[in-house]
Amino acid sequence: MLATGSVLAALTLSVAACTSSNSSSGSSGSSGSSGSAGATAASAVSGSIGLLLPETKTTRYEAADKPYFEAKFKALCPDCKILYSNADQNSATQQSQAEQAMTNGAKVLVLDPVDGKAAAVIARDAASKGVKVVSYDRLISGAKVDAYISFDNEKVGQLQGQALLDKLGAKAKTGQVIMINGSADDNNALLFKKGALSVLTGKVNIGYQTFTPDWAPDTAGTEMDQAITKVGKNNVAAAYSANDGMAAAIVASLKRAGVTPLPPVTGQDAQVDAVQRILTGEQFMSVYKAIKPEAEQAAQLAFALLQGKSITGIATATTDNGAGQVPSVLLTPVELTKSNIQSTVIKDGFLTVADICTSAYKSACTAAGIH
């Protein structure tokens, strides 16, 4: 499991410094009520931040990133306002949401970009207005940002690639590996692919590879259909899927084509349906990225920047985004297989036994020692 590390000591700031009220909202728009009537002139500073997430097709954002971030930020500053929006995978929408958040008083944007390059426009606009930007989970490239927090994304791809290589063993050069990557406008997808290829190149035969616009599972399923047609259903040795949402559609495609036995399929995000597929052998592995520490440390970064404090004690690494070295927090991803479900996602409280072991999966849970 990942260790978050305590950084609260570096942030022992009075919550009285934030005067706007705390709140949460639905999938888009802003939220909150008026500031505390008891605030004094000395403590009256802006307490608004924007949390801008990229899409809803991947379940993690609404189910984990948002609630974890909001809970931590409200604990740090109960009277602050969080202006929340989700762009539903539309860069133009995200730019409008960022502009609206700043118009509504946001002094820090925690921005998970739909398109890392396009989001440079948002970052430059924010800088011109004195608004700080935390690049969250995905890197904003080509413009100055104040902080970046994510996982070691090349390592994610390396874990996926190595898992396939280990599973194939002596049969690594027998048959074709199908590579279904994420969205090409997401810098993380490029890093996942780079990491996977650093392990797989020269050791397996890659018979088909493509990027998947918007990470759309339906598109990934169609891509897998095309790959099977190209290489033949009896020649599919393994399927590299960049995330779990696409893996579901890829497995469905393999089943439709009558590929038996099912080849090893990778994933990422430890979605509950993926964990269930791992238990039944339909998906070989996923990558668990402990979202809670990522979201909580993003909240700590945002709070420090809101108060004009140094983030040196939180961001201990740097990342080159093409416009300079960005102070960074890079967390460590973990390979998730049937053997460590209990000791990772369940132990951390990311998923519960009740989430995973529904009636259809109780016997598989028992066999895997999940309790």
Protein backbone atom coordinates (compact mmCIF):
# COMPACT_ATOMS: atom_id res chain seq x y z
CA MET A 1 0.00 0.00 0.00
CA LEU A 2 1.01 3.59 -0.47
CA ALA A 3 2.13 5.79 2.37
CA THR A 4 0.80 9.32 2.24
CA GLY A 5 3.27 10.92 4.63
CA SER A 6 2.09 13.57 7.00
CA VAL A 7 2.49 17.09 5.78
CA LEU A 8 -0.01 18.74 8.05
CA ALA A 9 2.76 20.09 10.26
CA ALA A 10 3.86 22.27 7.39
CA LEU A 11 0.34 23.57 7.05
CA THR A 12 -0.56 24.57 10.59
CA LEU A 13 -2.53 27.55 9.46
CA SER A 14 -5.56 29.05 11.09
CA VAL A 15 -8.78 28.14 9.34
CA ALA A 16 -9.93 31.62 10.26
CA ALA A 17 -7.89 32.78 7.29
CA CYS A 18 -10.60 31.42 5.01
CA THR A 19 -13.89 33.26 5.03
CA SER A 20 -16.04 31.74 2.28
CA SER A 21 -18.36 28.93 3.33
CA ASN A 22 -17.76 25.25 2.65
CA SER A 23 -19.96 23.34 0.24
CA SER A 24 -20.14 20.71 -2.46
CA SER A 25 -21.99 20.50 -5.73
CA GLY A 26 -23.15 18.10 -8.38
CA SER A 27 -21.23 17.20 -11.51
CA SER A 28 -20.84 20.77 -12.64
CA GLY A 29 -21.18 24.34 -11.52
CA SER A 30 -20.31 26.03 -8.25
CA SER A 31 -21.51 25.66 -4.73
CA GLY A 32 -21.40 27.36 -1.38
CA SER A 33 -23.02 30.06 0.70
CA SER A 34 -21.94 33.35 2.15
CA GLY A 35 -18.82 33.77 4.32
CA SER A 36 -18.69 33.74 8.08
CA ALA A 37 -20.20 36.82 9.67
CA GLY A 38 -17.70 36.51 12.50
CA ALA A 39 -14.61 36.97 10.33
CA THR A 40 -12.47 39.91 11.32
CA ALA A 41 -10.89 42.37 8.92
CA ALA A 42 -7.48 40.89 9.68
CA SER A 43 -8.54 37.43 8.56
CA ALA A 44 -10.75 38.43 5.61
CA VAL A 45 -9.02 36.80 2.62
CA SER A 46 -10.46 34.94 -0.33
CA GLY A 47 -11.24 31.33 0.43
CA SER A 48 -12.45 30.09 -2.94
CA ILE A 49 -10.77 27.39 -5.01
CA GLY A 50 -11.80 25.56 -8.17
CA LEU A 51 -11.78 21.78 -8.53
CA LEU A 52 -12.02 20.90 -12.23
CA LEU A 53 -12.19 17.22 -13.18
CA PRO A 54 -12.09 15.90 -16.75
CA GLU A 55 -14.75 13.27 -17.32
CA THR A 56 -17.27 10.79 -15.96
CA LYS A 57 -16.64 7.72 -18.14
CA THR A 58 -13.95 6.64 -15.69
CA THR A 59 -15.77 6.04 -12.41
CA ARG A 60 -12.94 7.18 -10.13
CA TYR A 61 -13.44 10.93 -10.56
CA GLU A 62 -16.94 11.26 -9.17
CA ALA A 63 -16.73 8.26 -6.84
CA ALA A 64 -13.30 8.89 -5.30
CA ASP A 65 -11.27 11.94 -6.37
CA LYS A 66 -14.03 14.47 -5.73
CA PRO A 67 -15.23 13.25 -2.32
CA TYR A 68 -11.72 12.59 -1.01
CA PHE A 69 -10.49 16.01 -2.11
CA GLU A 70 -13.50 17.85 -0.73
CA ALA A 71 -13.38 16.07 2.61
CA LYS A 72 -9.71 16.87 3.11
CA PHE A 73 -9.94 20.47 1.97
CA LYS A 74 -12.95 21.15 4.19
CA ALA A 75 -11.06 19.64 7.13
CA LEU A 76 -8.22 22.09 6.44
CA CYS A 77 -10.48 25.08 5.87
CA PRO A 78 -14.10 24.54 6.95
CA ASP A 79 -15.19 27.99 5.86
CA CYS A 80 -13.68 27.89 2.37
CA LYS A 81 -15.68 27.50 -0.81
CA ILE A 82 -15.04 24.80 -3.40
CA LEU A 83 -16.24 25.56 -6.93
CA TYR A 84 -16.61 22.18 -8.60
CA SER A 85 -17.05 21.27 -12.27
CA ASN A 86 -16.68 18.18 -14.45
CA ALA A 87 -15.97 18.78 -18.15
CA ASP A 88 -17.41 15.50 -19.47
CA GLN A 89 -14.35 15.05 -21.71
CA ASN A 90 -14.76 18.42 -23.49
CA SER A 91 -11.76 20.78 -23.51
CA ALA A 92 -13.81 23.82 -24.52
CA THR A 93 -16.24 23.13 -21.68
CA GLN A 94 -13.36 22.83 -19.24
CA GLN A 95 -11.93 26.16 -20.34
CA SER A 96 -15.32 27.82 -19.79
CA GLN A 97 -15.62 26.17 -16.37
CA ALA A 98 -12.16 27.43 -15.40
CA GLU A 99 -13.03 30.95 -16.52
CA GLN A 100 -16.27 30.81 -14.53
CA ALA A 101 -14.48 29.55 -11.42
CA MET A 102 -12.04 32.45 -11.59
CA THR A 103 -14.86 34.91 -12.23
CA ASN A 104 -16.53 33.53 -9.11
CA GLY A 105 -13.43 34.23 -7.04
CA ALA A 106 -11.28 31.08 -7.21
CA LYS A 107 -7.68 31.90 -6.26
CA VAL A 108 -6.42 28.35 -6.87
CA LEU A 109 -7.44 25.92 -9.60
CA VAL A 110 -6.96 22.20 -9.04
CA LEU A 111 -7.18 21.16 -12.67
CA ASP A 112 -7.23 17.65 -14.11
CA PRO A 113 -7.06 18.51 -17.82
CA VAL A 114 -9.13 16.88 -20.52
CA ASP A 115 -6.29 17.74 -22.89
CA GLY A 116 -2.94 18.54 -21.28
CA LYS A 117 -1.76 20.72 -24.16
CA ALA A 118 -5.04 22.61 -24.58
CA ALA A 119 -5.14 23.29 -20.84
CA ALA A 120 -2.06 25.50 -21.25
CA VAL A 121 -4.52 28.23 -22.25
CA ILE A 122 -6.22 27.89 -18.87
CA ALA A 123 -2.90 27.95 -17.02
CA ARG A 124 -1.73 31.09 -18.82
CA ASP A 125 -5.05 32.83 -18.21
CA ALA A 126 -4.87 31.89 -14.53
CA ALA A 127 -1.31 33.21 -14.22
CA SER A 128 -2.34 36.53 -15.76
CA LYS A 129 -4.97 36.86 -13.04
CA GLY A 130 -2.71 35.82 -10.18
CA VAL A 131 -4.52 32.49 -9.78
CA LYS A 132 -2.42 29.47 -8.81
CA VAL A 133 -2.77 26.17 -10.69
CA VAL A 134 -2.30 22.62 -9.41
CA SER A 135 -2.07 20.15 -12.29
CA TYR A 136 -3.93 17.15 -10.88
CA ASP A 137 -3.34 13.56 -12.03
CA ARG A 138 -2.67 14.62 -15.64
CA LEU A 139 0.14 16.99 -16.58
CA ILE A 140 -0.60 20.38 -18.11
CA SER A 141 2.14 20.98 -20.67
CA GLY A 142 3.55 24.06 -22.34
CA ALA A 143 2.66 26.62 -19.65
CA LYS A 144 3.80 27.49 -16.16
CA VAL A 145 1.90 25.72 -13.40
CA ASP A 146 2.53 25.93 -9.67
CA ALA A 147 2.35 22.26 -8.72
CA TYR A 148 1.74 18.80 -10.16
CA ILE A 149 0.50 15.71 -8.36
CA SER A 150 0.07 12.31 -9.92
CA PHE A 151 1.49 8.82 -9.93
CA ASP A 152 4.66 7.62 -11.60
CA ASN A 153 2.81 7.01 -14.85
CA GLU A 154 5.62 5.33 -16.76
CA LYS A 155 5.75 2.90 -13.84
CA VAL A 156 2.05 2.17 -14.36
CA GLY A 157 2.80 1.04 -17.92
CA GLN A 158 5.83 -0.93 -16.78
CA LEU A 159 3.71 -2.80 -14.25
CA GLN A 160 1.13 -3.62 -16.92
CA GLY A 161 3.74 -4.71 -19.46
CA GLN A 162 5.71 -6.80 -16.98
CA ALA A 163 2.55 -8.52 -15.78
CA LEU A 164 1.76 -9.62 -19.33
CA LEU A 165 5.32 -10.72 -19.97
CA ASP A 166 5.44 -12.76 -16.77
CA LYS A 167 2.08 -14.36 -17.48
CA LEU A 168 3.03 -15.29 -21.05
CA GLY A 169 6.36 -16.77 -19.91
CA ALA A 170 7.89 -19.07 -22.50
CA LYS A 171 4.98 -18.34 -24.85
CA ALA A 172 5.79 -14.62 -25.04
CA LYS A 173 6.70 -14.86 -28.73
CA THR A 174 3.77 -17.11 -29.57
CA GLY A 175 0.80 -15.22 -30.93
CA GLN A 176 0.11 -11.51 -30.98
CA VAL A 177 -0.28 -8.93 -28.23
CA ILE A 178 -3.05 -6.40 -28.85
CA MET A 179 -2.33 -2.94 -27.43
CA ILE A 180 -5.34 -0.69 -26.74
CA ASN A 181 -3.98 2.58 -25.37
CA GLY A 182 -5.83 5.48 -23.79
CA SER A 183 -6.68 8.84 -25.31
CA ALA A 184 -3.80 10.42 -27.25
CA ASP A 185 -4.61 13.90 -25.88
CA ASP A 186 -3.99 12.66 -22.32
CA ASN A 187 -0.30 12.89 -21.42
CA ASN A 188 -0.76 10.02 -18.98
CA ALA A 189 -1.82 7.72 -21.81
CA LEU A 190 1.44 8.48 -23.60
CA LEU A 191 3.40 7.69 -20.45
CA PHE A 192 1.50 4.43 -19.84
CA LYS A 193 2.28 3.33 -23.40
CA LYS A 194 5.94 4.37 -23.07
CA GLY A 195 6.30 2.39 -19.85
CA ALA A 196 4.62 -0.70 -21.28
CA LEU A 197 6.70 -0.65 -24.45
CA SER A 198 9.89 -0.28 -22.42
CA VAL A 199 9.14 -3.77 -21.11
CA LEU A 200 7.45 -5.43 -24.09
CA THR A 201 9.43 -4.21 -27.12
CA GLY A 202 11.44 -7.01 -28.65
CA LYS A 203 10.04 -9.58 -26.24
CA VAL A 204 6.53 -10.01 -27.67
CA ASN A 205 4.88 -9.62 -31.05
CA ILE A 206 2.61 -6.57 -31.05
CA GLY A 207 0.09 -7.33 -33.77
CA TYR A 208 -2.18 -4.31 -33.36
CA GLN A 209 -2.01 -1.08 -31.41
CA THR A 210 -4.09 2.06 -31.28
CA PHE A 211 -5.10 5.01 -29.13
CA THR A 212 -8.69 5.28 -27.92
CA PRO A 213 -10.29 8.75 -28.16
CA ASP A 214 -11.80 9.91 -24.87
CA TRP A 215 -10.91 6.56 -23.25
CA ALA A 216 -14.33 5.41 -24.50
CA PRO A 217 -15.04 1.76 -23.61
CA ASP A 218 -17.34 1.29 -26.62
CA THR A 219 -14.56 2.46 -28.91
CA ALA A 220 -12.08 0.12 -27.20
CA GLY A 221 -14.46 -2.76 -27.82
CA THR A 222 -14.68 -1.90 -31.50
CA GLU A 223 -10.89 -1.62 -31.66
CA MET A 224 -10.57 -5.08 -30.14
CA ASP A 225 -13.04 -6.44 -32.70
CA GLN A 226 -10.84 -5.00 -35.45
CA ALA A 227 -7.70 -6.43 -33.87
CA ILE A 228 -9.20 -9.92 -33.69
CA THR A 229 -10.20 -9.68 -37.34
CA LYS A 230 -6.67 -8.62 -38.26
CA VAL A 231 -4.65 -11.22 -36.34
CA GLY A 232 -7.20 -14.03 -36.04
CA LYS A 233 -8.94 -15.15 -32.88
CA ASN A 234 -6.56 -18.05 -32.38
CA ASN A 235 -3.52 -15.77 -32.46
CA VAL A 236 -4.43 -13.36 -29.65
CA ALA A 237 -1.83 -14.01 -26.95
CA ALA A 238 -2.70 -11.09 -24.66
CA ALA A 239 -4.50 -7.76 -24.61
CA TYR A 240 -2.93 -4.65 -23.15
CA SER A 241 -5.73 -2.37 -21.98
CA ALA A 242 -4.64 0.96 -20.53
CA ASN A 243 -7.51 1.07 -18.01
CA ASP A 244 -10.32 -0.97 -16.51
CA GLY A 245 -13.20 0.73 -18.30
CA MET A 246 -11.74 -0.27 -21.66
CA ALA A 247 -10.80 -3.70 -20.32
CA ALA A 248 -14.48 -4.49 -19.75
CA ALA A 249 -15.26 -3.86 -23.41
CA ILE A 250 -12.14 -5.71 -24.55
CA VAL A 251 -13.10 -8.80 -22.55
CA ALA A 252 -16.62 -8.61 -23.99
CA SER A 253 -15.14 -8.46 -27.51
CA LEU A 254 -12.96 -11.51 -26.84
CA LYS A 255 -15.99 -13.42 -25.60
CA ARG A 256 -18.09 -12.45 -28.63
CA ALA A 257 -15.34 -13.68 -30.93
CA GLY A 258 -15.14 -17.00 -29.08
CA VAL A 259 -11.53 -16.58 -28.00
CA THR A 260 -10.88 -19.42 -25.55
CA PRO A 261 -9.29 -19.60 -23.16
CA LEU A 262 -9.41 -15.87 -22.52
CA PRO A 263 -5.93 -14.37 -22.85
CA PRO A 264 -4.47 -12.19 -20.07
CA VAL A 265 -5.92 -8.67 -20.12
CA THR A 266 -4.48 -5.71 -18.22
CA GLY A 267 -6.21 -2.69 -16.71
CA GLN A 268 -5.81 0.23 -14.35
CA ASP A 269 -7.77 2.02 -11.61
CA ALA A 270 -8.94 -0.99 -9.57
CA GLN A 271 -12.58 -0.45 -10.48
CA VAL A 272 -14.88 -2.81 -8.64
CA ASP A 273 -16.00 -4.56 -11.83
CA ALA A 274 -12.36 -5.08 -12.79
CA VAL A 275 -11.57 -6.60 -9.40
CA GLN A 276 -14.51 -8.95 -9.91
CA ARG A 277 -13.20 -9.91 -13.37
CA ILE A 278 -9.78 -10.56 -11.82
CA LEU A 279 -11.40 -12.90 -9.32
CA THR A 280 -13.11 -14.90 -12.06
CA GLY A 281 -10.08 -14.93 -14.37
CA GLU A 282 -11.57 -12.72 -17.08
CA GLN A 283 -9.02 -9.97 -16.44
CA PHE A 284 -5.49 -10.77 -15.34
CA MET A 285 -4.52 -7.61 -13.48
CA SER A 286 -5.17 -3.95 -12.80
CA VAL A 287 -3.05 -1.15 -11.37
CA TYR A 288 -4.12 0.21 -8.02
CA LYS A 289 -3.47 3.89 -7.60
CA ALA A 290 -4.43 4.94 -4.09
CA ILE A 291 -6.59 7.93 -4.98
CA LYS A 292 -7.19 9.02 -1.40
CA PRO A 293 -3.59 10.14 -0.74
CA GLU A 294 -3.45 11.73 -4.18
CA ALA A 295 -6.63 13.73 -3.59
CA GLU A 296 -5.71 14.60 -0.01
CA GLN A 297 -2.25 15.85 -0.89
CA ALA A 298 -3.77 17.85 -3.74
CA ALA A 299 -6.01 19.48 -1.15
CA GLN A 300 -2.95 20.26 0.98
CA LEU A 301 -1.20 21.80 -2.01
CA ALA A 302 -4.25 23.90 -2.82
CA PHE A 303 -4.62 25.08 0.77
CA ALA A 304 -0.96 26.07 1.01
CA LEU A 305 -1.13 27.97 -2.29
CA LEU A 306 -4.36 29.67 -1.25
CA GLN A 307 -2.60 31.01 1.81
CA GLY A 308 0.53 32.02 -0.09
CA LYS A 309 2.63 29.42 1.71
CA SER A 310 5.54 27.36 0.41
CA ILE A 311 4.77 23.88 -0.92
CA THR A 312 8.37 22.69 -0.62
CA GLY A 313 7.52 20.29 2.18
CA ILE A 314 4.79 18.63 0.12
CA ALA A 315 6.18 18.64 -3.43
CA THR A 316 9.58 16.99 -3.14
CA ALA A 317 10.13 16.11 -6.82
CA THR A 318 10.05 18.07 -10.08
CA THR A 319 8.59 17.35 -13.53
CA ASP A 320 9.46 19.00 -16.83
CA ASN A 321 6.23 20.09 -18.54
CA GLY A 322 7.92 21.84 -21.47
CA ALA A 323 7.70 25.23 -19.85
CA GLY A 324 9.89 24.57 -16.82
CA GLN A 325 10.39 22.31 -13.84
CA VAL A 326 7.14 21.92 -11.91
CA PRO A 327 7.22 21.12 -8.16
CA SER A 328 5.71 17.66 -8.01
CA VAL A 329 4.31 14.89 -5.85
CA LEU A 330 4.70 11.51 -7.61
CA LEU A 331 3.05 8.59 -5.86
CA THR A 332 3.80 4.91 -6.42
CA PRO A 333 1.32 2.64 -8.25
CA VAL A 334 0.81 -0.99 -7.20
CA GLU A 335 0.16 -4.06 -9.36
CA LEU A 336 -3.21 -5.60 -8.43
CA THR A 337 -3.82 -9.30 -8.96
CA LYS A 338 -6.01 -11.92 -7.34
CA SER A 339 -3.30 -12.55 -4.74
CA ASN A 340 -3.23 -9.07 -3.19
CA ILE A 341 -6.81 -7.77 -3.37
CA GLN A 342 -7.23 -8.28 0.37
CA SER A 343 -3.96 -6.56 1.29
CA THR A 344 -4.40 -3.53 -0.97
CA VAL A 345 -7.78 -2.18 -2.02
CA ILE A 346 -9.68 -3.78 0.86
CA LYS A 347 -7.09 -3.05 3.54
CA ASP A 348 -6.92 0.59 2.41
CA GLY A 349 -10.70 0.95 2.41
CA PHE A 350 -10.69 1.81 -1.31
CA LEU A 351 -13.21 -1.00 -1.86
CA THR A 352 -15.11 -3.09 0.65
CA VAL A 353 -15.84 -6.80 0.74
CA ALA A 354 -19.49 -5.90 0.21
CA ASP A 355 -18.58 -3.94 -2.91
CA ILE A 356 -16.69 -6.84 -4.43
CA CYS A 357 -18.30 -9.99 -3.08
CA THR A 358 -21.83 -9.65 -4.37
CA SER A 359 -23.84 -12.84 -4.79
CA ALA A 360 -22.34 -13.62 -8.21
CA TYR A 361 -18.80 -13.39 -6.83
CA LYS A 362 -19.08 -14.88 -3.34
CA SER A 363 -17.56 -18.21 -4.26
CA ALA A 364 -14.69 -16.50 -6.11
CA CYS A 365 -14.07 -14.30 -3.09
CA THR A 366 -13.99 -17.31 -0.79
CA ALA A 367 -11.55 -19.09 -3.06
CA ALA A 368 -9.29 -16.01 -3.06
CA GLY A 369 -9.38 -15.71 0.71
CA ILE A 370 -11.27 -12.41 0.70
CA HIS A 371 -13.18 -11.77 3.91
